[in-house]
Amino acid sequence: MDLEMVNKEVADVFSTYETSMENRIRYISGMEHFIQYLYHQNIELENVGEAEIKQYEESLKALGYPDVFIDTNIESIRKYFSYLQNKNYINNYNGFIE
């Protein structure tokens, strides 16, 4: 995983969809932490599913992170993937009603 490239992609996604600078910073920071976790676990971002998110959450709890940090990071992850789904839907939209 190319960390620099992935972090740039994350920043681009949140810059596109988040109007609040505060939210952008918070979500980008949460995703950067998650990406570091994935890197150390040898998991590619494209292979992340619910099991990996849950494993990350449990890891944070085991390490003693505060609930607000955990909740914010999980929210960041879910927002990131929901924005990607929206982006893919828009890119695949052909303008015709079937």
PDB file of N, CA and C in Angstrom:
ATOM      1  N   MET A   1       0.852  -1.169   0.000  1.00  0.00           N
ATOM      2  CA  MET A   1       0.000   0.000   0.000  1.00  0.00           C
ATOM      3  C   MET A   1       0.900   1.235   0.000  1.00  0.00           C
ATOM      4  N   ASP A   2       0.648   2.129  -0.918  1.00  0.00           N
ATOM      5  CA  ASP A   2       1.366   3.396  -0.996  1.00  0.00           C
ATOM      6  C   ASP A   2       0.645   4.391  -0.078  1.00  0.00           C
ATOM      7  N   LEU A   3       1.198   4.592   1.123  1.00  0.00           N
ATOM      8  CA  LEU A   3       0.533   5.420   2.133  1.00  0.00           C
ATOM      9  C   LEU A   3       0.301   6.845   1.662  1.00  0.00           C
ATOM     10  N   GLU A   4       1.273   7.404   0.993  1.00  0.00           N
ATOM     11  CA  GLU A   4       1.126   8.789   0.528  1.00  0.00           C
ATOM     12  C   GLU A   4      -0.026   8.914  -0.472  1.00  0.00           C
ATOM     13  N   MET A   5      -0.104   7.979  -1.389  1.00  0.00           N
ATOM     14  CA  MET A   5      -1.161   8.012  -2.396  1.00  0.00           C
ATOM     15  C   MET A   5      -2.542   7.809  -1.759  1.00  0.00           C
ATOM     16  N   VAL A   6      -2.636   6.873  -0.828  1.00  0.00           N
ATOM     17  CA  VAL A   6      -3.912   6.596  -0.170  1.00  0.00           C
ATOM     18  C   VAL A   6      -4.340   7.799   0.667  1.00  0.00           C
ATOM     19  N   ASN A   7      -3.410   8.398   1.390  1.00  0.00           N
ATOM     20  CA  ASN A   7      -3.753   9.576   2.184  1.00  0.00           C
ATOM     21  C   ASN A   7      -4.205  10.738   1.306  1.00  0.00           C
ATOM     22  N   LYS A   8      -3.600  10.899   0.132  1.00  0.00           N
ATOM     23  CA  LYS A   8      -4.025  11.940  -0.799  1.00  0.00           C
ATOM     24  C   LYS A   8      -5.441  11.664  -1.300  1.00  0.00           C
ATOM     25  N   GLU A   9      -5.725  10.392  -1.612  1.00  0.00           N
ATOM     26  CA  GLU A   9      -7.070  10.022  -2.071  1.00  0.00           C
ATOM     27  C   GLU A   9      -8.107  10.315  -0.992  1.00  0.00           C
ATOM     28  N   VAL A  10      -7.796   9.972   0.248  1.00  0.00           N
ATOM     29  CA  VAL A  10      -8.700  10.227   1.373  1.00  0.00           C
ATOM     30  C   VAL A  10      -8.951  11.732   1.501  1.00  0.00           C
ATOM     31  N   ALA A  11      -7.901  12.518   1.461  1.00  0.00           N
ATOM     32  CA  ALA A  11      -8.043  13.976   1.563  1.00  0.00           C
ATOM     33  C   ALA A  11      -8.893  14.520   0.422  1.00  0.00           C
ATOM     34  N   ASP A  12      -8.695  13.998  -0.782  1.00  0.00           N
ATOM     35  CA  ASP A  12      -9.490  14.447  -1.931  1.00  0.00           C
ATOM     36  C   ASP A  12     -10.970  14.120  -1.750  1.00  0.00           C
ATOM     37  N   VAL A  13     -11.252  12.919  -1.252  1.00  0.00           N
ATOM     38  CA  VAL A  13     -12.651  12.514  -1.060  1.00  0.00           C
ATOM     39  C   VAL A  13     -13.332  13.424  -0.053  1.00  0.00           C
ATOM     40  N   PHE A  14     -12.704  13.640   1.097  1.00  0.00           N
ATOM     41  CA  PHE A  14     -13.337  14.482   2.105  1.00  0.00           C
ATOM     42  C   PHE A  14     -13.380  15.949   1.685  1.00  0.00           C
ATOM     43  N   SER A  15     -12.403  16.401   0.921  1.00  0.00           N
ATOM     44  CA  SER A  15     -12.432  17.777   0.430  1.00  0.00           C
ATOM     45  C   SER A  15     -13.573  17.978  -0.555  1.00  0.00           C
ATOM     46  N   THR A  16     -13.910  16.936  -1.275  1.00  0.00           N
ATOM     47  CA  THR A  16     -14.996  17.008  -2.248  1.00  0.00           C
ATOM     48  C   THR A  16     -16.363  17.011  -1.578  1.00  0.00           C
ATOM     49  N   TYR A  17     -16.544  16.168  -0.566  1.00  0.00           N
ATOM     50  CA  TYR A  17     -17.880  15.947   0.000  1.00  0.00           C
ATOM     51  C   TYR A  17     -18.172  16.686   1.298  1.00  0.00           C
ATOM     52  N   GLU A  18     -17.161  17.116   2.025  1.00  0.00           N
ATOM     53  CA  GLU A  18     -17.380  17.798   3.305  1.00  0.00           C
ATOM     54  C   GLU A  18     -17.202  19.304   3.131  1.00  0.00           C
ATOM     55  N   THR A  19     -18.216  20.055   3.488  1.00  0.00           N
ATOM     56  CA  THR A  19     -18.127  21.512   3.367  1.00  0.00           C
ATOM     57  C   THR A  19     -17.491  22.142   4.592  1.00  0.00           C
ATOM     58  N   SER A  20     -17.578  21.480   5.724  1.00  0.00           N
ATOM     59  CA  SER A  20     -17.011  22.013   6.963  1.00  0.00           C
ATOM     60  C   SER A  20     -15.528  21.650   7.066  1.00  0.00           C
ATOM     61  N   MET A  21     -14.687  22.656   7.230  1.00  0.00           N
ATOM     62  CA  MET A  21     -13.252  22.427   7.370  1.00  0.00           C
ATOM     63  C   MET A  21     -12.971  21.590   8.620  1.00  0.00           C
ATOM     64  N   GLU A  22     -13.709  21.832   9.678  1.00  0.00           N
ATOM     65  CA  GLU A  22     -13.531  21.074  10.917  1.00  0.00           C
ATOM     66  C   GLU A  22     -13.796  19.578  10.681  1.00  0.00           C
ATOM     67  N   ASN A  23     -14.873  19.274   9.974  1.00  0.00           N
ATOM     68  CA  ASN A  23     -15.175  17.873   9.675  1.00  0.00           C
ATOM     69  C   ASN A  23     -14.121  17.262   8.770  1.00  0.00           C
ATOM     70  N   ARG A  24     -13.675  18.001   7.779  1.00  0.00           N
ATOM     71  CA  ARG A  24     -12.628  17.492   6.888  1.00  0.00           C
ATOM     72  C   ARG A  24     -11.403  17.060   7.688  1.00  0.00           C
ATOM     73  N   ILE A  25     -10.942  17.949   8.547  1.00  0.00           N
ATOM     74  CA  ILE A  25      -9.739  17.667   9.341  1.00  0.00           C
ATOM     75  C   ILE A  25      -9.971  16.458  10.233  1.00  0.00           C
ATOM     76  N   ARG A  26     -11.110  16.415  10.895  1.00  0.00           N
ATOM     77  CA  ARG A  26     -11.416  15.311  11.815  1.00  0.00           C
ATOM     78  C   ARG A  26     -11.500  13.987  11.069  1.00  0.00           C
ATOM     79  N   TYR A  27     -12.193  13.974   9.936  1.00  0.00           N
ATOM     80  CA  TYR A  27     -12.368  12.724   9.188  1.00  0.00           C
ATOM     81  C   TYR A  27     -11.064  12.275   8.526  1.00  0.00           C
ATOM     82  N   ILE A  28     -10.322  13.210   7.991  1.00  0.00           N
ATOM     83  CA  ILE A  28      -9.035  12.857   7.375  1.00  0.00           C
ATOM     84  C   ILE A  28      -8.103  12.275   8.431  1.00  0.00           C
ATOM     85  N   SER A  29      -8.072  12.894   9.601  1.00  0.00           N
ATOM     86  CA  SER A  29      -7.227  12.399  10.688  1.00  0.00           C
ATOM     87  C   SER A  29      -7.642  10.986  11.104  1.00  0.00           C
ATOM     88  N   GLY A  30      -8.941  10.756  11.221  1.00  0.00           N
ATOM     89  CA  GLY A  30      -9.434   9.426  11.589  1.00  0.00           C
ATOM     90  C   GLY A  30      -9.073   8.385  10.552  1.00  0.00           C
ATOM     91  N   MET A  31      -9.200   8.740   9.290  1.00  0.00           N
ATOM     92  CA  MET A  31      -8.860   7.797   8.220  1.00  0.00           C
ATOM     93  C   MET A  31      -7.361   7.546   8.159  1.00  0.00           C
ATOM     94  N   GLU A  32      -6.555   8.573   8.413  1.00  0.00           N
ATOM     95  CA  GLU A  32      -5.109   8.375   8.416  1.00  0.00           C
ATOM     96  C   GLU A  32      -4.700   7.382   9.498  1.00  0.00           C
ATOM     97  N   HIS A  33      -5.343   7.453  10.654  1.00  0.00           N
ATOM     98  CA  HIS A  33      -5.063   6.506  11.730  1.00  0.00           C
ATOM     99  C   HIS A  33      -5.466   5.091  11.304  1.00  0.00           C
ATOM    100  N   PHE A  34      -6.621   4.972  10.672  1.00  0.00           N
ATOM    101  CA  PHE A  34      -7.101   3.672  10.198  1.00  0.00           C
ATOM    102  C   PHE A  34      -6.175   3.109   9.122  1.00  0.00           C
ATOM    103  N   ILE A  35      -5.708   3.954   8.238  1.00  0.00           N
ATOM    104  CA  ILE A  35      -4.805   3.517   7.168  1.00  0.00           C
ATOM    105  C   ILE A  35      -3.484   3.004   7.759  1.00  0.00           C
ATOM    106  N   GLN A  36      -3.001   3.668   8.797  1.00  0.00           N
ATOM    107  CA  GLN A  36      -1.798   3.183   9.474  1.00  0.00           C
ATOM    108  C   GLN A  36      -2.036   1.793  10.062  1.00  0.00           C
ATOM    109  N   TYR A  37      -3.202   1.616  10.665  1.00  0.00           N
ATOM    110  CA  TYR A  37      -3.571   0.313  11.213  1.00  0.00           C
ATOM    111  C   TYR A  37      -3.578  -0.740  10.101  1.00  0.00           C
ATOM    112  N   LEU A  38      -4.217  -0.419   8.983  1.00  0.00           N
ATOM    113  CA  LEU A  38      -4.278  -1.362   7.856  1.00  0.00           C
ATOM    114  C   LEU A  38      -2.880  -1.701   7.354  1.00  0.00           C
ATOM    115  N   TYR A  39      -2.044  -0.702   7.265  1.00  0.00           N
ATOM    116  CA  TYR A  39      -0.677  -0.892   6.784  1.00  0.00           C
ATOM    117  C   TYR A  39       0.071  -1.891   7.667  1.00  0.00           C
ATOM    118  N   HIS A  40      -0.062  -1.726   8.969  1.00  0.00           N
ATOM    119  CA  HIS A  40       0.638  -2.620   9.903  1.00  0.00           C
ATOM    120  C   HIS A  40       0.017  -4.014   9.948  1.00  0.00           C
ATOM    121  N   GLN A  41      -1.239  -4.118   9.527  1.00  0.00           N
ATOM    122  CA  GLN A  41      -1.910  -5.424   9.481  1.00  0.00           C
ATOM    123  C   GLN A  41      -1.797  -6.070   8.095  1.00  0.00           C
ATOM    124  N   ASN A  42      -1.125  -5.391   7.171  1.00  0.00           N
ATOM    125  CA  ASN A  42      -0.994  -5.854   5.779  1.00  0.00           C
ATOM    126  C   ASN A  42      -2.346  -6.080   5.111  1.00  0.00           C
ATOM    127  N   ILE A  43      -3.242  -5.123   5.297  1.00  0.00           N
ATOM    128  CA  ILE A  43      -4.573  -5.157   4.684  1.00  0.00           C
ATOM    129  C   ILE A  43      -4.664  -3.984   3.721  1.00  0.00           C
ATOM    130  N   GLU A  44      -5.077  -4.251   2.505  1.00  0.00           N
ATOM    131  CA  GLU A  44      -5.276  -3.186   1.518  1.00  0.00           C
ATOM    132  C   GLU A  44      -6.623  -2.504   1.769  1.00  0.00           C
ATOM    133  N   LEU A  45      -6.680  -1.217   1.538  1.00  0.00           N
ATOM    134  CA  LEU A  45      -7.909  -0.452   1.747  1.00  0.00           C
ATOM    135  C   LEU A  45      -9.066  -1.024   0.931  1.00  0.00           C
ATOM    136  N   GLU A  46      -8.761  -1.505  -0.266  1.00  0.00           N
ATOM    137  CA  GLU A  46      -9.800  -2.066  -1.135  1.00  0.00           C
ATOM    138  C   GLU A  46     -10.425  -3.340  -0.560  1.00  0.00           C
ATOM    139  N   ASN A  47      -9.723  -3.990   0.371  1.00  0.00           N
ATOM    140  CA  ASN A  47     -10.192  -5.253   0.944  1.00  0.00           C
ATOM    141  C   ASN A  47     -10.898  -5.077   2.280  1.00  0.00           C
ATOM    142  N   VAL A  48     -11.165  -3.846   2.664  1.00  0.00           N
ATOM    143  CA  VAL A  48     -11.796  -3.583   3.956  1.00  0.00           C
ATOM    144  C   VAL A  48     -13.285  -3.867   3.877  1.00  0.00           C
ATOM    145  N   GLY A  49     -13.742  -4.610   4.861  1.00  0.00           N
ATOM    146  CA  GLY A  49     -15.167  -4.884   5.015  1.00  0.00           C
ATOM    147  C   GLY A  49     -15.556  -4.659   6.461  1.00  0.00           C
ATOM    148  N   GLU A  50     -16.727  -5.079   6.802  1.00  0.00           N
ATOM    149  CA  GLU A  50     -17.231  -4.882   8.158  1.00  0.00           C
ATOM    150  C   GLU A  50     -16.347  -5.576   9.201  1.00  0.00           C
ATOM    151  N   ALA A  51     -15.821  -6.741   8.874  1.00  0.00           N
ATOM    152  CA  ALA A  51     -14.973  -7.488   9.818  1.00  0.00           C
ATOM    153  C   ALA A  51     -13.709  -6.705  10.161  1.00  0.00           C
ATOM    154  N   GLU A  52     -13.090  -6.079   9.180  1.00  0.00           N
ATOM    155  CA  GLU A  52     -11.869  -5.304   9.420  1.00  0.00           C
ATOM    156  C   GLU A  52     -12.157  -4.050  10.240  1.00  0.00           C
ATOM    157  N   ILE A  53     -13.292  -3.438   9.985  1.00  0.00           N
ATOM    158  CA  ILE A  53     -13.667  -2.246  10.756  1.00  0.00           C
ATOM    159  C   ILE A  53     -13.906  -2.631  12.213  1.00  0.00           C
ATOM    160  N   LYS A  54     -14.601  -3.736  12.430  1.00  0.00           N
ATOM    161  CA  LYS A  54     -14.874  -4.213  13.789  1.00  0.00           C
ATOM    162  C   LYS A  54     -13.573  -4.589  14.502  1.00  0.00           C
ATOM    163  N   GLN A  55     -12.665  -5.226  13.787  1.00  0.00           N
ATOM    164  CA  GLN A  55     -11.373  -5.604  14.353  1.00  0.00           C
ATOM    165  C   GLN A  55     -10.585  -4.356  14.762  1.00  0.00           C
ATOM    166  N   TYR A  56     -10.626  -3.334  13.935  1.00  0.00           N
ATOM    167  CA  TYR A  56      -9.965  -2.064  14.241  1.00  0.00           C
ATOM    168  C   TYR A  56     -10.574  -1.444  15.500  1.00  0.00           C
ATOM    169  N   GLU A  57     -11.881  -1.426  15.567  1.00  0.00           N
ATOM    170  CA  GLU A  57     -12.573  -0.872  16.730  1.00  0.00           C
ATOM    171  C   GLU A  57     -12.183  -1.613  18.011  1.00  0.00           C
ATOM    172  N   GLU A  58     -12.151  -2.924  17.951  1.00  0.00           N
ATOM    173  CA  GLU A  58     -11.764  -3.724  19.116  1.00  0.00           C
ATOM    174  C   GLU A  58     -10.308  -3.464  19.499  1.00  0.00           C
ATOM    175  N   SER A  59      -9.458  -3.282  18.512  1.00  0.00           N
ATOM    176  CA  SER A  59      -8.059  -2.981  18.763  1.00  0.00           C
ATOM    177  C   SER A  59      -7.910  -1.652  19.506  1.00  0.00           C
ATOM    178  N   LEU A  60      -8.667  -0.643  19.081  1.00  0.00           N
ATOM    179  CA  LEU A  60      -8.617   0.658  19.750  1.00  0.00           C
ATOM    180  C   LEU A  60      -9.088   0.552  21.195  1.00  0.00           C
ATOM    181  N   LYS A  61     -10.161  -0.219  21.401  1.00  0.00           N
ATOM    182  CA  LYS A  61     -10.665  -0.403  22.765  1.00  0.00           C
ATOM    183  C   LYS A  61      -9.624  -1.096  23.632  1.00  0.00           C
ATOM    184  N   ALA A  62      -8.983  -2.129  23.089  1.00  0.00           N
ATOM    185  CA  ALA A  62      -7.983  -2.885  23.839  1.00  0.00           C
ATOM    186  C   ALA A  62      -6.774  -2.020  24.193  1.00  0.00           C
ATOM    187  N   LEU A  63      -6.468  -1.053  23.342  1.00  0.00           N
ATOM    188  CA  LEU A  63      -5.332  -0.165  23.586  1.00  0.00           C
ATOM    189  C   LEU A  63      -5.685   0.992  24.516  1.00  0.00           C
ATOM    190  N   GLY A  64      -6.967   1.098  24.888  1.00  0.00           N
ATOM    191  CA  GLY A  64      -7.393   2.109  25.845  1.00  0.00           C
ATOM    192  C   GLY A  64      -7.722   3.474  25.277  1.00  0.00           C
ATOM    193  N   TYR A  65      -7.968   3.544  23.977  1.00  0.00           N
ATOM    194  CA  TYR A  65      -8.366   4.826  23.391  1.00  0.00           C
ATOM    195  C   TYR A  65      -9.723   5.251  23.945  1.00  0.00           C
ATOM    196  N   PRO A  66      -9.944   6.556  24.106  1.00  0.00           N
ATOM    197  CA  PRO A  66     -11.246   7.021  24.611  1.00  0.00           C
ATOM    198  C   PRO A  66     -12.355   6.778  23.592  1.00  0.00           C
ATOM    199  N   ASP A  67     -13.569   6.610  24.114  1.00  0.00           N
ATOM    200  CA  ASP A  67     -14.726   6.320  23.256  1.00  0.00           C
ATOM    201  C   ASP A  67     -14.938   7.378  22.183  1.00  0.00           C
ATOM    202  N   VAL A  68     -14.716   8.655  22.512  1.00  0.00           N
ATOM    203  CA  VAL A  68     -14.932   9.722  21.533  1.00  0.00           C
ATOM    204  C   VAL A  68     -13.970   9.560  20.351  1.00  0.00           C
ATOM    205  N   PHE A  69     -12.732   9.166  20.607  1.00  0.00           N
ATOM    206  CA  PHE A  69     -11.756   8.936  19.544  1.00  0.00           C
ATOM    207  C   PHE A  69     -12.198   7.762  18.672  1.00  0.00           C
ATOM    208  N   ILE A  70     -12.611   6.686  19.319  1.00  0.00           N
ATOM    209  CA  ILE A  70     -13.047   5.481  18.594  1.00  0.00           C
ATOM    210  C   ILE A  70     -14.258   5.803  17.736  1.00  0.00           C
ATOM    211  N   ASP A  71     -15.244   6.455  18.325  1.00  0.00           N
ATOM    212  CA  ASP A  71     -16.475   6.787  17.590  1.00  0.00           C
ATOM    213  C   ASP A  71     -16.189   7.675  16.385  1.00  0.00           C
ATOM    214  N   THR A  72     -15.319   8.657  16.569  1.00  0.00           N
ATOM    215  CA  THR A  72     -14.977   9.569  15.472  1.00  0.00           C
ATOM    216  C   THR A  72     -14.262   8.822  14.354  1.00  0.00           C
ATOM    217  N   ASN A  73     -13.336   7.943  14.704  1.00  0.00           N
ATOM    218  CA  ASN A  73     -12.609   7.204  13.676  1.00  0.00           C
ATOM    219  C   ASN A  73     -13.528   6.252  12.919  1.00  0.00           C
ATOM    220  N   ILE A  74     -14.408   5.573  13.621  1.00  0.00           N
ATOM    221  CA  ILE A  74     -15.344   4.663  12.957  1.00  0.00           C
ATOM    222  C   ILE A  74     -16.281   5.462  12.050  1.00  0.00           C
ATOM    223  N   GLU A  75     -16.732   6.609  12.525  1.00  0.00           N
ATOM    224  CA  GLU A  75     -17.576   7.478  11.695  1.00  0.00           C
ATOM    225  C   GLU A  75     -16.820   7.914  10.438  1.00  0.00           C
ATOM    226  N   SER A  76     -15.546   8.233  10.593  1.00  0.00           N
ATOM    227  CA  SER A  76     -14.720   8.633   9.448  1.00  0.00           C
ATOM    228  C   SER A  76     -14.654   7.526   8.404  1.00  0.00           C
ATOM    229  N   ILE A  77     -14.427   6.322   8.857  1.00  0.00           N
ATOM    230  CA  ILE A  77     -14.324   5.169   7.954  1.00  0.00           C
ATOM    231  C   ILE A  77     -15.633   4.965   7.209  1.00  0.00           C
ATOM    232  N   ARG A  78     -16.717   4.979   7.926  1.00  0.00           N
ATOM    233  CA  ARG A  78     -18.035   4.757   7.296  1.00  0.00           C
ATOM    234  C   ARG A  78     -18.368   5.875   6.311  1.00  0.00           C
ATOM    235  N   LYS A  79     -18.057   7.111   6.672  1.00  0.00           N
ATOM    236  CA  LYS A  79     -18.308   8.234   5.751  1.00  0.00           C
ATOM    237  C   LYS A  79     -17.458   8.090   4.497  1.00  0.00           C
ATOM    238  N   TYR A  80     -16.208   7.742   4.668  1.00  0.00           N
ATOM    239  CA  TYR A  80     -15.312   7.586   3.519  1.00  0.00           C
ATOM    240  C   TYR A  80     -15.886   6.565   2.538  1.00  0.00           C
ATOM    241  N   PHE A  81     -16.274   5.407   3.031  1.00  0.00           N
ATOM    242  CA  PHE A  81     -16.791   4.372   2.131  1.00  0.00           C
ATOM    243  C   PHE A  81     -18.154   4.747   1.552  1.00  0.00           C
ATOM    244  N   SER A  82     -18.973   5.472   2.306  1.00  0.00           N
ATOM    245  CA  SER A  82     -20.258   5.906   1.744  1.00  0.00           C
ATOM    246  C   SER A  82     -20.034   6.932   0.635  1.00  0.00           C
ATOM    247  N   TYR A  83     -19.036   7.813   0.807  1.00  0.00           N
ATOM    248  CA  TYR A  83     -18.726   8.777  -0.237  1.00  0.00           C
ATOM    249  C   TYR A  83     -18.195   8.083  -1.481  1.00  0.00           C
ATOM    250  N   LEU A  84     -17.395   7.034  -1.288  1.00  0.00           N
ATOM    251  CA  LEU A  84     -16.899   6.278  -2.448  1.00  0.00           C
ATOM    252  C   LEU A  84     -18.045   5.611  -3.186  1.00  0.00           C
ATOM    253  N   GLN A  85     -19.009   5.078  -2.458  1.00  0.00           N
ATOM    254  CA  GLN A  85     -20.165   4.454  -3.105  1.00  0.00           C
ATOM    255  C   GLN A  85     -20.947   5.487  -3.901  1.00  0.00           C
ATOM    256  N   ASN A  86     -21.138   6.681  -3.324  1.00  0.00           N
ATOM    257  CA  ASN A  86     -21.835   7.751  -4.044  1.00  0.00           C
ATOM    258  C   ASN A  86     -21.067   8.144  -5.298  1.00  0.00           C
ATOM    259  N   LYS A  87     -19.764   8.252  -5.182  1.00  0.00           N
ATOM    260  CA  LYS A  87     -18.918   8.628  -6.316  1.00  0.00           C
ATOM    261  C   LYS A  87     -19.021   7.586  -7.428  1.00  0.00           C
ATOM    262  N   ASN A  88     -18.957   6.313  -7.055  1.00  0.00           N
ATOM    263  CA  ASN A  88     -19.065   5.246  -8.047  1.00  0.00           C
ATOM    264  C   ASN A  88     -20.440   5.234  -8.700  1.00  0.00           C
ATOM    265  N   TYR A  89     -21.477   5.501  -7.926  1.00  0.00           N
ATOM    266  CA  TYR A  89     -22.827   5.542  -8.478  1.00  0.00           C
ATOM    267  C   TYR A  89     -22.933   6.670  -9.499  1.00  0.00           C
ATOM    268  N   ILE A  90     -22.427   7.826  -9.149  1.00  0.00           N
ATOM    269  CA  ILE A  90     -22.498   8.974 -10.061  1.00  0.00           C
ATOM    270  C   ILE A  90     -21.672   8.713 -11.318  1.00  0.00           C
ATOM    271  N   ASN A  91     -20.476   8.140 -11.157  1.00  0.00           N
ATOM    272  CA  ASN A  91     -19.621   7.864 -12.316  1.00  0.00           C
ATOM    273  C   ASN A  91     -20.239   6.829 -13.251  1.00  0.00           C
ATOM    274  N   ASN A  92     -21.021   5.907 -12.713  1.00  0.00           N
ATOM    275  CA  ASN A  92     -21.645   4.869 -13.542  1.00  0.00           C
ATOM    276  C   ASN A  92     -23.012   5.268 -14.069  1.00  0.00           C
ATOM    277  N   TYR A  93     -23.499   6.429 -13.679  1.00  0.00           N
ATOM    278  CA  TYR A  93     -24.820   6.892 -14.106  1.00  0.00           C
ATOM    279  C   TYR A  93     -24.763   7.282 -15.571  1.00  0.00           C
ATOM    280  N   ASN A  94     -25.648   6.708 -16.363  1.00  0.00           N
ATOM    281  CA  ASN A  94     -25.632   6.992 -17.799  1.00  0.00           C
ATOM    282  C   ASN A  94     -26.713   7.982 -18.226  1.00  0.00           C
ATOM    283  N   GLY A  95     -27.553   8.431 -17.288  1.00  0.00           N
ATOM    284  CA  GLY A  95     -28.564   9.429 -17.617  1.00  0.00           C
ATOM    285  C   GLY A  95     -29.867   8.862 -18.139  1.00  0.00           C
ATOM    286  N   PHE A  96     -29.958   7.562 -18.275  1.00  0.00           N
ATOM    287  CA  PHE A  96     -31.168   6.946 -18.789  1.00  0.00           C
ATOM    288  C   PHE A  96     -31.912   6.229 -17.679  1.00  0.00           C
ATOM    289  N   ILE A  97     -33.214   6.373 -17.667  1.00  0.00           N
ATOM    290  CA  ILE A  97     -34.051   5.640 -16.720  1.00  0.00           C
ATOM    291  C   ILE A  97     -34.388   4.312 -17.345  1.00  0.00           C
ATOM    292  N   GLU A  98     -34.105   3.267 -16.621  1.00  0.00           N
ATOM    293  CA  GLU A  98     -34.355   1.917 -17.177  1.00  0.00           C
ATOM    294  C   GLU A  98     -35.638   1.350 -16.655  1.00  0.00           C
TER     295      GLU A  98
END
